[in-house]
Amino acid sequence: MTTAPREKKRGGWLKEEFGNPERRTAYYMVLPALLIIMIVAVYPVLNSIWLSLHAATITATGEFVGFENYVEMFGNDDFISGLKNTVIFTVVSVFFEFIIGLGIALAINRAFRGRGLVRAAVLVPWAFPTVISAAMWRLMFQDQIGVINYVANGIGLISEPILSDATLLLIGSILVDVWKTTPFMALLLLAGLQTIPGEVYEAARVDGANVLQRFFLITMPLLKSTILVAVLFRTMDSYRVFDLFWVMSNRQLESLSTFVYQGVRISQLQFAQGNAAAVFIFVTAFLLALFFIYGLGMQTSTED
């Protein structure tokens, strides 16, 4: 017995979606949030792109110049310095935060007396505002009264004041960021470790797997999704570093975000380049997010 093919609904996808009262109500409830996102996020981005293609000033859009602002931006030594500092800062700080954070997460994931107190103590650096942390560490890096500068000079690590050398300032900023945000990385990784069933480790012990085998064959594969999220969050946060650089270096250390701020807020002569740099940050950050989500994320799901 054959049945007649089901007649296709007329009106297409829109009629099917909005013809259902429940779905229509859901769209109505989501619409205000979408409008807010359009106003708060999408419009400023599109406006920055538009201004970056014009000889814009703080008061006028100016004539259309195409990609001339981007060409001038890449020829600006301050932008190149900010780009280099931002990339080095992001890669090095996130690397050490992940390594140290994973070690902390593995340590506090074990059952021991006073574990709750240790977990709370680990999160203390993360609780400090970035500006406060930077100001506190800057005092320790001071030439006259700074304990870190005194010790580093005493053991021969450095031969000049930390705060007067751009390379030492960048290293110091990385150190401060690792100290402050490693607890956040550890917290995310600890949450992932908590989801791994203990029976898996017990079965591995019964099969004769040692500590390293359990770590590389059980912990790391099951923790890949959490690692992806944690590293993505920290990479995006480090890539837009601003307040740490300015407070630590007293505006001597350049980053992409400081270049944008100086262009659009302080030096109005570089307003168009500042908008071009803002668009550059948005596009590169968006591409990084796509790489993490669709590149590494799809690879992780395939291996799982």
C-alpha atoms as a PDB file:
ATOM      1  CA  MET A   1       0.000   0.000   0.000  1.00  0.00           C
ATOM      2  CA  THR A   2       1.460   3.344  -1.014  1.00  0.00           C
ATOM      3  CA  THR A   3       0.726   6.669   0.578  1.00  0.00           C
ATOM      4  CA  ALA A   4       0.519   9.940  -1.235  1.00  0.00           C
ATOM      5  CA  PRO A   5       3.475  12.221  -0.684  1.00  0.00           C
ATOM      6  CA  ARG A   6       2.941  14.779   1.996  1.00  0.00           C
ATOM      7  CA  GLU A   7       1.989  18.125   0.502  1.00  0.00           C
ATOM      8  CA  LYS A   8       4.637  20.765   1.074  1.00  0.00           C
ATOM      9  CA  LYS A   9       3.499  23.683   3.126  1.00  0.00           C
ATOM     10  CA  ARG A  10       3.109  26.887   1.225  1.00  0.00           C
ATOM     11  CA  GLY A  11       4.700  30.066   2.432  1.00  0.00           C
ATOM     12  CA  GLY A  12       8.177  28.674   3.021  1.00  0.00           C
ATOM     13  CA  TRP A  13      10.319  28.817   6.157  1.00  0.00           C
ATOM     14  CA  LEU A  14       8.945  32.092   7.528  1.00  0.00           C
ATOM     15  CA  LYS A  15       5.346  30.887   7.478  1.00  0.00           C
ATOM     16  CA  GLU A  16       6.364  27.631   9.128  1.00  0.00           C
ATOM     17  CA  GLU A  17       8.307  29.395  11.895  1.00  0.00           C
ATOM     18  CA  PHE A  18       5.877  32.221  12.649  1.00  0.00           C
ATOM     19  CA  GLY A  19       2.810  30.063  12.072  1.00  0.00           C
ATOM     20  CA  ASN A  20       3.664  28.129  15.227  1.00  0.00           C
ATOM     21  CA  PRO A  21       2.459  30.150  18.266  1.00  0.00           C
ATOM     22  CA  GLU A  22       5.229  28.830  20.547  1.00  0.00           C
ATOM     23  CA  ARG A  23       7.984  29.637  18.072  1.00  0.00           C
ATOM     24  CA  ARG A  24       6.456  33.019  17.329  1.00  0.00           C
ATOM     25  CA  THR A  25       6.412  33.853  21.033  1.00  0.00           C
ATOM     26  CA  ALA A  26      10.056  32.758  21.327  1.00  0.00           C
ATOM     27  CA  TYR A  27      11.059  35.098  18.508  1.00  0.00           C
ATOM     28  CA  TYR A  28       9.187  37.970  20.124  1.00  0.00           C
ATOM     29  CA  MET A  29      10.999  37.354  23.419  1.00  0.00           C
ATOM     30  CA  VAL A  30      14.440  37.196  21.764  1.00  0.00           C
ATOM     31  CA  LEU A  31      13.832  40.268  19.582  1.00  0.00           C
ATOM     32  CA  PRO A  32      14.570  42.904  22.302  1.00  0.00           C
ATOM     33  CA  ALA A  33      17.914  41.257  23.071  1.00  0.00           C
ATOM     34  CA  LEU A  34      18.797  41.181  19.370  1.00  0.00           C
ATOM     35  CA  LEU A  35      17.940  44.864  19.032  1.00  0.00           C
ATOM     36  CA  ILE A  36      20.125  45.736  22.018  1.00  0.00           C
ATOM     37  CA  ILE A  37      23.021  43.739  20.524  1.00  0.00           C
ATOM     38  CA  MET A  38      22.549  45.537  17.209  1.00  0.00           C
ATOM     39  CA  ILE A  39      22.663  48.931  18.933  1.00  0.00           C
ATOM     40  CA  VAL A  40      25.454  48.210  21.419  1.00  0.00           C
ATOM     41  CA  ALA A  41      27.746  45.976  19.352  1.00  0.00           C
ATOM     42  CA  VAL A  42      26.983  45.846  15.630  1.00  0.00           C
ATOM     43  CA  TYR A  43      26.439  49.560  14.975  1.00  0.00           C
ATOM     44  CA  PRO A  44      29.726  50.734  16.600  1.00  0.00           C
ATOM     45  CA  VAL A  45      31.662  48.108  14.641  1.00  0.00           C
ATOM     46  CA  LEU A  46      30.077  49.102  11.331  1.00  0.00           C
ATOM     47  CA  ASN A  47      30.607  52.780  12.158  1.00  0.00           C
ATOM     48  CA  SER A  48      34.299  52.163  12.906  1.00  0.00           C
ATOM     49  CA  ILE A  49      34.707  50.327   9.610  1.00  0.00           C
ATOM     50  CA  TRP A  50      33.050  53.239   7.791  1.00  0.00           C
ATOM     51  CA  LEU A  51      35.255  55.827   9.525  1.00  0.00           C
ATOM     52  CA  SER A  52      38.406  53.789   8.860  1.00  0.00           C
ATOM     53  CA  LEU A  53      37.756  54.116   5.118  1.00  0.00           C
ATOM     54  CA  HIS A  54      37.531  57.915   5.288  1.00  0.00           C
ATOM     55  CA  ALA A  55      39.817  60.785   6.211  1.00  0.00           C
ATOM     56  CA  ALA A  56      37.848  61.078   9.429  1.00  0.00           C
ATOM     57  CA  THR A  57      38.412  63.484  12.283  1.00  0.00           C
ATOM     58  CA  ILE A  58      36.775  63.767  15.685  1.00  0.00           C
ATOM     59  CA  THR A  59      34.134  66.112  14.226  1.00  0.00           C
ATOM     60  CA  ALA A  60      33.740  65.081  10.557  1.00  0.00           C
ATOM     61  CA  THR A  61      33.781  61.930   8.448  1.00  0.00           C
ATOM     62  CA  GLY A  62      35.896  63.414   5.654  1.00  0.00           C
ATOM     63  CA  GLU A  63      36.421  62.139   2.142  1.00  0.00           C
ATOM     64  CA  PHE A  64      36.584  58.477   1.140  1.00  0.00           C
ATOM     65  CA  VAL A  65      40.207  57.257   1.041  1.00  0.00           C
ATOM     66  CA  GLY A  66      39.727  53.485   0.838  1.00  0.00           C
ATOM     67  CA  PHE A  67      42.466  51.494   2.574  1.00  0.00           C
ATOM     68  CA  GLU A  68      44.866  54.422   2.837  1.00  0.00           C
ATOM     69  CA  ASN A  69      44.441  54.595   6.605  1.00  0.00           C
ATOM     70  CA  TYR A  70      45.382  50.929   6.906  1.00  0.00           C
ATOM     71  CA  VAL A  71      48.503  51.448   4.783  1.00  0.00           C
ATOM     72  CA  GLU A  72      49.557  54.391   6.954  1.00  0.00           C
ATOM     73  CA  MET A  73      48.743  52.384  10.079  1.00  0.00           C
ATOM     74  CA  PHE A  74      51.083  49.532   9.101  1.00  0.00           C
ATOM     75  CA  GLY A  75      53.748  52.128   8.370  1.00  0.00           C
ATOM     76  CA  ASN A  76      53.390  53.618  11.863  1.00  0.00           C
ATOM     77  CA  ASP A  77      56.205  52.519  14.204  1.00  0.00           C
ATOM     78  CA  ASP A  78      53.933  52.841  17.254  1.00  0.00           C
ATOM     79  CA  PHE A  79      51.400  50.444  15.727  1.00  0.00           C
ATOM     80  CA  ILE A  80      54.083  47.893  14.809  1.00  0.00           C
ATOM     81  CA  SER A  81      55.510  48.145  18.325  1.00  0.00           C
ATOM     82  CA  GLY A  82      52.032  47.690  19.834  1.00  0.00           C
ATOM     83  CA  LEU A  83      51.312  44.718  17.580  1.00  0.00           C
ATOM     84  CA  LYS A  84      54.605  43.040  18.471  1.00  0.00           C
ATOM     85  CA  ASN A  85      54.146  43.647  22.211  1.00  0.00           C
ATOM     86  CA  THR A  86      50.550  42.409  22.106  1.00  0.00           C
ATOM     87  CA  VAL A  87      51.421  39.186  20.265  1.00  0.00           C
ATOM     88  CA  ILE A  88      54.384  38.402  22.542  1.00  0.00           C
ATOM     89  CA  PHE A  89      52.384  39.244  25.658  1.00  0.00           C
ATOM     90  CA  THR A  90      49.415  37.114  24.566  1.00  0.00           C
ATOM     91  CA  VAL A  91      51.375  34.035  23.509  1.00  0.00           C
ATOM     92  CA  VAL A  92      53.794  33.950  26.451  1.00  0.00           C
ATOM     93  CA  SER A  93      51.324  34.844  29.198  1.00  0.00           C
ATOM     94  CA  VAL A  94      48.625  32.413  28.038  1.00  0.00           C
ATOM     95  CA  PHE A  95      51.220  29.636  27.684  1.00  0.00           C
ATOM     96  CA  PHE A  96      52.503  30.012  31.244  1.00  0.00           C
ATOM     97  CA  GLU A  97      49.004  30.568  32.647  1.00  0.00           C
ATOM     98  CA  PHE A  98      47.875  27.304  31.074  1.00  0.00           C
ATOM     99  CA  ILE A  99      50.882  25.287  32.300  1.00  0.00           C
ATOM    100  CA  ILE A 100      50.793  26.671  35.847  1.00  0.00           C
ATOM    101  CA  GLY A 101      46.984  26.710  35.974  1.00  0.00           C
ATOM    102  CA  LEU A 102      46.804  23.063  34.930  1.00  0.00           C
ATOM    103  CA  GLY A 103      49.275  22.134  37.668  1.00  0.00           C
ATOM    104  CA  ILE A 104      47.254  24.048  40.277  1.00  0.00           C
ATOM    105  CA  ALA A 105      43.990  22.508  39.068  1.00  0.00           C
ATOM    106  CA  LEU A 106      45.433  18.990  39.286  1.00  0.00           C
ATOM    107  CA  ALA A 107      46.767  19.683  42.779  1.00  0.00           C
ATOM    108  CA  ILE A 108      43.579  21.127  44.284  1.00  0.00           C
ATOM    109  CA  ASN A 109      41.414  18.522  42.548  1.00  0.00           C
ATOM    110  CA  ARG A 110      42.809  15.884  44.877  1.00  0.00           C
ATOM    111  CA  ALA A 111      41.159  15.210  48.227  1.00  0.00           C
ATOM    112  CA  PHE A 112      43.157  16.552  51.192  1.00  0.00           C
ATOM    113  CA  ARG A 113      42.492  18.301  54.464  1.00  0.00           C
ATOM    114  CA  GLY A 114      41.889  22.034  54.034  1.00  0.00           C
ATOM    115  CA  ARG A 115      41.216  21.787  50.307  1.00  0.00           C
ATOM    116  CA  GLY A 116      38.438  24.396  50.456  1.00  0.00           C
ATOM    117  CA  LEU A 117      40.730  26.926  52.159  1.00  0.00           C
ATOM    118  CA  VAL A 118      43.480  26.319  49.597  1.00  0.00           C
ATOM    119  CA  ARG A 119      41.031  26.801  46.711  1.00  0.00           C
ATOM    120  CA  ALA A 120      39.884  30.095  48.181  1.00  0.00           C
ATOM    121  CA  ALA A 121      43.482  31.263  48.723  1.00  0.00           C
ATOM    122  CA  VAL A 122      44.432  30.433  45.138  1.00  0.00           C
ATOM    123  CA  LEU A 123      41.742  32.782  43.821  1.00  0.00           C
ATOM    124  CA  VAL A 124      42.996  35.805  45.803  1.00  0.00           C
ATOM    125  CA  PRO A 125      45.231  37.288  43.028  1.00  0.00           C
ATOM    126  CA  TRP A 126      42.358  37.067  40.552  1.00  0.00           C
ATOM    127  CA  ALA A 127      40.134  39.075  42.920  1.00  0.00           C
ATOM    128  CA  PHE A 128      42.400  42.142  42.682  1.00  0.00           C
ATOM    129  CA  PRO A 129      41.427  44.696  39.999  1.00  0.00           C
ATOM    130  CA  THR A 130      44.010  44.842  37.221  1.00  0.00           C
ATOM    131  CA  VAL A 131      44.908  48.479  37.948  1.00  0.00           C
ATOM    132  CA  ILE A 132      45.525  47.712  41.625  1.00  0.00           C
ATOM    133  CA  SER A 133      47.678  44.698  40.758  1.00  0.00           C
ATOM    134  CA  ALA A 134      49.699  46.715  38.237  1.00  0.00           C
ATOM    135  CA  ALA A 135      50.248  49.595  40.678  1.00  0.00           C
ATOM    136  CA  MET A 136      51.275  47.200  43.455  1.00  0.00           C
ATOM    137  CA  TRP A 137      53.788  45.380  41.255  1.00  0.00           C
ATOM    138  CA  ARG A 138      55.100  48.666  39.838  1.00  0.00           C
ATOM    139  CA  LEU A 139      56.127  49.665  43.364  1.00  0.00           C
ATOM    140  CA  MET A 140      58.034  46.379  43.697  1.00  0.00           C
ATOM    141  CA  PHE A 141      59.762  47.077  40.357  1.00  0.00           C
ATOM    142  CA  GLN A 142      60.834  50.606  41.405  1.00  0.00           C
ATOM    143  CA  ASP A 143      64.538  51.381  41.212  1.00  0.00           C
ATOM    144  CA  GLN A 144      64.906  52.891  44.693  1.00  0.00           C
ATOM    145  CA  ILE A 145      62.426  51.006  46.860  1.00  0.00           C
ATOM    146  CA  GLY A 146      61.392  47.980  44.782  1.00  0.00           C
ATOM    147  CA  VAL A 147      62.233  44.616  46.318  1.00  0.00           C
ATOM    148  CA  ILE A 148      62.183  42.793  42.964  1.00  0.00           C
ATOM    149  CA  ASN A 149      64.506  45.336  41.343  1.00  0.00           C
ATOM    150  CA  TYR A 150      66.839  45.100  44.375  1.00  0.00           C
ATOM    151  CA  VAL A 151      66.975  41.292  44.319  1.00  0.00           C
ATOM    152  CA  ALA A 152      67.380  41.097  40.525  1.00  0.00           C
ATOM    153  CA  ASN A 153      70.270  43.572  40.678  1.00  0.00           C
ATOM    154  CA  GLY A 154      71.818  41.746  43.610  1.00  0.00           C
ATOM    155  CA  ILE A 155      71.961  38.361  41.864  1.00  0.00           C
ATOM    156  CA  GLY A 156      73.046  39.883  38.551  1.00  0.00           C
ATOM    157  CA  LEU A 157      69.898  39.268  36.515  1.00  0.00           C
ATOM    158  CA  ILE A 158      69.659  42.888  35.387  1.00  0.00           C
ATOM    159  CA  SER A 159      72.077  45.794  35.150  1.00  0.00           C
ATOM    160  CA  GLU A 160      69.590  48.675  34.798  1.00  0.00           C
ATOM    161  CA  PRO A 161      66.259  49.696  36.342  1.00  0.00           C
ATOM    162  CA  ILE A 162      63.342  47.527  35.215  1.00  0.00           C
ATOM    163  CA  LEU A 163      60.974  50.440  34.654  1.00  0.00           C
ATOM    164  CA  SER A 164      63.361  52.195  32.267  1.00  0.00           C
ATOM    165  CA  ASP A 165      63.792  49.325  29.809  1.00  0.00           C
ATOM    166  CA  ALA A 166      61.007  48.378  27.363  1.00  0.00           C
ATOM    167  CA  THR A 167      61.982  44.692  27.230  1.00  0.00           C
ATOM    168  CA  LEU A 168      62.102  44.381  31.021  1.00  0.00           C
ATOM    169  CA  LEU A 169      58.772  46.210  31.253  1.00  0.00           C
ATOM    170  CA  LEU A 170      57.191  43.706  28.871  1.00  0.00           C
ATOM    171  CA  ILE A 171      58.620  40.795  30.861  1.00  0.00           C
ATOM    172  CA  GLY A 172      57.353  42.389  34.066  1.00  0.00           C
ATOM    173  CA  SER A 173      53.885  42.866  32.564  1.00  0.00           C
ATOM    174  CA  ILE A 174      53.800  39.207  31.558  1.00  0.00           C
ATOM    175  CA  LEU A 175      54.820  38.240  35.101  1.00  0.00           C
ATOM    176  CA  VAL A 176      52.037  40.351  36.612  1.00  0.00           C
ATOM    177  CA  ASP A 177      49.429  38.965  34.216  1.00  0.00           C
ATOM    178  CA  VAL A 178      50.491  35.379  34.931  1.00  0.00           C
ATOM    179  CA  TRP A 179      50.310  36.044  38.672  1.00  0.00           C
ATOM    180  CA  LYS A 180      46.868  37.624  38.435  1.00  0.00           C
ATOM    181  CA  THR A 181      45.000  35.460  35.904  1.00  0.00           C
ATOM    182  CA  THR A 182      46.496  31.999  36.433  1.00  0.00           C
ATOM    183  CA  PRO A 183      43.845  31.384  39.146  1.00  0.00           C
ATOM    184  CA  PHE A 184      41.128  32.026  36.549  1.00  0.00           C
ATOM    185  CA  MET A 185      42.698  29.465  34.226  1.00  0.00           C
ATOM    186  CA  ALA A 186      43.029  27.017  37.120  1.00  0.00           C
ATOM    187  CA  LEU A 187      39.368  27.531  38.070  1.00  0.00           C
ATOM    188  CA  LEU A 188      38.167  26.714  34.541  1.00  0.00           C
ATOM    189  CA  LEU A 189      40.407  23.651  34.287  1.00  0.00           C
ATOM    190  CA  LEU A 190      39.340  22.486  37.748  1.00  0.00           C
ATOM    191  CA  ALA A 191      35.707  22.624  36.620  1.00  0.00           C
ATOM    192  CA  GLY A 192      36.623  20.357  33.710  1.00  0.00           C
ATOM    193  CA  LEU A 193      38.515  17.932  35.952  1.00  0.00           C
ATOM    194  CA  GLN A 194      35.471  17.653  38.210  1.00  0.00           C
ATOM    195  CA  THR A 195      33.432  16.251  35.308  1.00  0.00           C
ATOM    196  CA  ILE A 196      35.794  13.297  34.707  1.00  0.00           C
ATOM    197  CA  PRO A 197      34.355  10.190  36.441  1.00  0.00           C
ATOM    198  CA  GLY A 198      36.588   8.653  39.069  1.00  0.00           C
ATOM    199  CA  GLU A 199      35.678   5.173  37.789  1.00  0.00           C
ATOM    200  CA  VAL A 200      37.718   5.841  34.657  1.00  0.00           C
ATOM    201  CA  TYR A 201      40.881   6.297  36.720  1.00  0.00           C
ATOM    202  CA  GLU A 202      40.086   3.264  38.846  1.00  0.00           C
ATOM    203  CA  ALA A 203      39.726   1.117  35.741  1.00  0.00           C
ATOM    204  CA  ALA A 204      43.031   2.449  34.423  1.00  0.00           C
ATOM    205  CA  ARG A 205      44.773   1.616  37.703  1.00  0.00           C
ATOM    206  CA  VAL A 206      43.393  -1.906  37.547  1.00  0.00           C
ATOM    207  CA  ASP A 207      44.768  -2.232  34.019  1.00  0.00           C
ATOM    208  CA  GLY A 208      48.209  -1.205  35.276  1.00  0.00           C
ATOM    209  CA  ALA A 209      48.386   2.369  33.914  1.00  0.00           C
ATOM    210  CA  ASN A 210      50.884   4.578  35.734  1.00  0.00           C
ATOM    211  CA  VAL A 211      50.487   8.261  36.598  1.00  0.00           C
ATOM    212  CA  LEU A 212      51.840   9.578  33.288  1.00  0.00           C
ATOM    213  CA  GLN A 213      49.736   7.162  31.254  1.00  0.00           C
ATOM    214  CA  ARG A 214      46.600   8.169  33.149  1.00  0.00           C
ATOM    215  CA  PHE A 215      47.417  11.847  32.599  1.00  0.00           C
ATOM    216  CA  PHE A 216      48.112  11.681  28.864  1.00  0.00           C
ATOM    217  CA  LEU A 217      45.595   8.964  27.925  1.00  0.00           C
ATOM    218  CA  ILE A 218      42.686   9.923  30.201  1.00  0.00           C
ATOM    219  CA  THR A 219      42.970  13.396  31.720  1.00  0.00           C
ATOM    220  CA  MET A 220      44.175  15.347  28.693  1.00  0.00           C
ATOM    221  CA  PRO A 221      41.791  13.784  26.110  1.00  0.00           C
ATOM    222  CA  LEU A 222      38.767  14.252  28.388  1.00  0.00           C
ATOM    223  CA  LEU A 223      39.872  17.798  29.251  1.00  0.00           C
ATOM    224  CA  LYS A 224      40.347  19.023  25.669  1.00  0.00           C
ATOM    225  CA  SER A 225      37.026  20.865  25.436  1.00  0.00           C
ATOM    226  CA  THR A 226      37.643  22.670  28.729  1.00  0.00           C
ATOM    227  CA  ILE A 227      41.188  23.550  27.672  1.00  0.00           C
ATOM    228  CA  LEU A 228      39.839  24.982  24.428  1.00  0.00           C
ATOM    229  CA  VAL A 229      37.387  27.257  26.263  1.00  0.00           C
ATOM    230  CA  ALA A 230      39.919  28.330  28.901  1.00  0.00           C
ATOM    231  CA  VAL A 231      42.661  29.155  26.392  1.00  0.00           C
ATOM    232  CA  LEU A 232      40.172  30.965  24.141  1.00  0.00           C
ATOM    233  CA  PHE A 233      38.928  33.160  26.989  1.00  0.00           C
ATOM    234  CA  ARG A 234      42.439  34.035  28.143  1.00  0.00           C
ATOM    235  CA  THR A 235      43.705  34.651  24.599  1.00  0.00           C
ATOM    236  CA  MET A 236      40.878  37.081  23.859  1.00  0.00           C
ATOM    237  CA  ASP A 237      41.423  38.832  27.192  1.00  0.00           C
ATOM    238  CA  SER A 238      45.201  39.123  26.773  1.00  0.00           C
ATOM    239  CA  TYR A 239      44.900  40.299  23.182  1.00  0.00           C
ATOM    240  CA  ARG A 240      43.043  43.426  24.272  1.00  0.00           C
ATOM    241  CA  VAL A 241      45.467  44.308  27.096  1.00  0.00           C
ATOM    242  CA  PHE A 242      45.299  47.990  27.977  1.00  0.00           C
ATOM    243  CA  ASP A 243      45.197  48.995  31.648  1.00  0.00           C
ATOM    244  CA  LEU A 244      48.018  46.670  32.740  1.00  0.00           C
ATOM    245  CA  PHE A 245      50.428  48.140  30.186  1.00  0.00           C
ATOM    246  CA  TRP A 246      49.619  51.763  30.958  1.00  0.00           C
ATOM    247  CA  VAL A 247      49.748  51.470  34.741  1.00  0.00           C
ATOM    248  CA  MET A 248      52.827  49.222  34.804  1.00  0.00           C
ATOM    249  CA  SER A 249      54.831  51.305  32.333  1.00  0.00           C
ATOM    250  CA  ASN A 250      53.315  54.746  33.002  1.00  0.00           C
ATOM    251  CA  ARG A 251      52.186  54.854  29.337  1.00  0.00           C
ATOM    252  CA  GLN A 252      55.602  53.832  28.002  1.00  0.00           C
ATOM    253  CA  LEU A 253      54.604  50.364  26.790  1.00  0.00           C
ATOM    254  CA  GLU A 254      52.500  50.237  23.629  1.00  0.00           C
ATOM    255  CA  SER A 255      49.794  47.698  22.790  1.00  0.00           C
ATOM    256  CA  LEU A 256      47.124  47.570  20.107  1.00  0.00           C
ATOM    257  CA  SER A 257      44.506  48.858  22.546  1.00  0.00           C
ATOM    258  CA  THR A 258      46.685  51.741  23.765  1.00  0.00           C
ATOM    259  CA  PHE A 259      47.381  52.694  20.144  1.00  0.00           C
ATOM    260  CA  VAL A 260      43.638  52.857  19.452  1.00  0.00           C
ATOM    261  CA  TYR A 261      42.991  54.912  22.579  1.00  0.00           C
ATOM    262  CA  GLN A 262      45.718  57.409  21.789  1.00  0.00           C
ATOM    263  CA  GLY A 263      44.492  57.711  18.208  1.00  0.00           C
ATOM    264  CA  VAL A 264      40.784  58.233  18.835  1.00  0.00           C
ATOM    265  CA  ARG A 265      40.924  59.916  22.247  1.00  0.00           C
ATOM    266  CA  ILE A 266      44.229  61.704  22.830  1.00  0.00           C
ATOM    267  CA  SER A 267      45.831  62.496  19.470  1.00  0.00           C
ATOM    268  CA  GLN A 268      43.020  63.595  17.168  1.00  0.00           C
ATOM    269  CA  LEU A 269      45.499  63.788  14.277  1.00  0.00           C
ATOM    270  CA  GLN A 270      45.503  59.963  14.214  1.00  0.00           C
ATOM    271  CA  PHE A 271      41.761  59.533  14.586  1.00  0.00           C
ATOM    272  CA  ALA A 272      41.385  57.706  11.256  1.00  0.00           C
ATOM    273  CA  GLN A 273      44.324  55.398  11.985  1.00  0.00           C
ATOM    274  CA  GLY A 274      42.891  54.711  15.425  1.00  0.00           C
ATOM    275  CA  ASN A 275      39.634  53.558  13.852  1.00  0.00           C
ATOM    276  CA  ALA A 276      41.572  51.410  11.388  1.00  0.00           C
ATOM    277  CA  ALA A 277      43.467  49.833  14.298  1.00  0.00           C
ATOM    278  CA  ALA A 278      40.173  49.190  16.120  1.00  0.00           C
ATOM    279  CA  VAL A 279      38.839  47.388  13.051  1.00  0.00           C
ATOM    280  CA  PHE A 280      42.096  45.444  12.810  1.00  0.00           C
ATOM    281  CA  ILE A 281      41.736  44.297  16.425  1.00  0.00           C
ATOM    282  CA  PHE A 282      38.123  43.258  15.864  1.00  0.00           C
ATOM    283  CA  VAL A 283      38.867  41.306  12.675  1.00  0.00           C
ATOM    284  CA  THR A 284      41.941  39.522  14.042  1.00  0.00           C
ATOM    285  CA  ALA A 285      40.198  38.686  17.325  1.00  0.00           C
ATOM    286  CA  PHE A 286      37.220  37.347  15.365  1.00  0.00           C
ATOM    287  CA  LEU A 287      39.530  35.196  13.220  1.00  0.00           C
ATOM    288  CA  LEU A 288      41.271  33.900  16.347  1.00  0.00           C
ATOM    289  CA  ALA A 289      37.912  32.949  17.847  1.00  0.00           C
ATOM    290  CA  LEU A 290      36.922  31.155  14.626  1.00  0.00           C
ATOM    291  CA  PHE A 291      40.228  29.285  14.657  1.00  0.00           C
ATOM    292  CA  PHE A 292      39.675  28.116  18.235  1.00  0.00           C
ATOM    293  CA  ILE A 293      36.015  27.218  17.776  1.00  0.00           C
ATOM    294  CA  TYR A 294      35.882  25.750  14.280  1.00  0.00           C
ATOM    295  CA  GLY A 295      39.521  24.715  13.854  1.00  0.00           C
ATOM    296  CA  LEU A 296      40.619  23.304  17.177  1.00  0.00           C
ATOM    297  CA  GLY A 297      37.011  22.714  18.279  1.00  0.00           C
ATOM    298  CA  MET A 298      36.122  20.530  15.286  1.00  0.00           C
ATOM    299  CA  GLN A 299      39.402  18.655  15.654  1.00  0.00           C
ATOM    300  CA  THR A 300      38.643  17.999  19.314  1.00  0.00           C
ATOM    301  CA  SER A 301      35.102  16.766  18.574  1.00  0.00           C
ATOM    302  CA  THR A 302      36.422  14.500  15.797  1.00  0.00           C
ATOM    303  CA  GLU A 303      39.002  12.930  18.085  1.00  0.00           C
ATOM    304  CA  ASP A 304      36.363  12.457  20.799  1.00  0.00           C
END
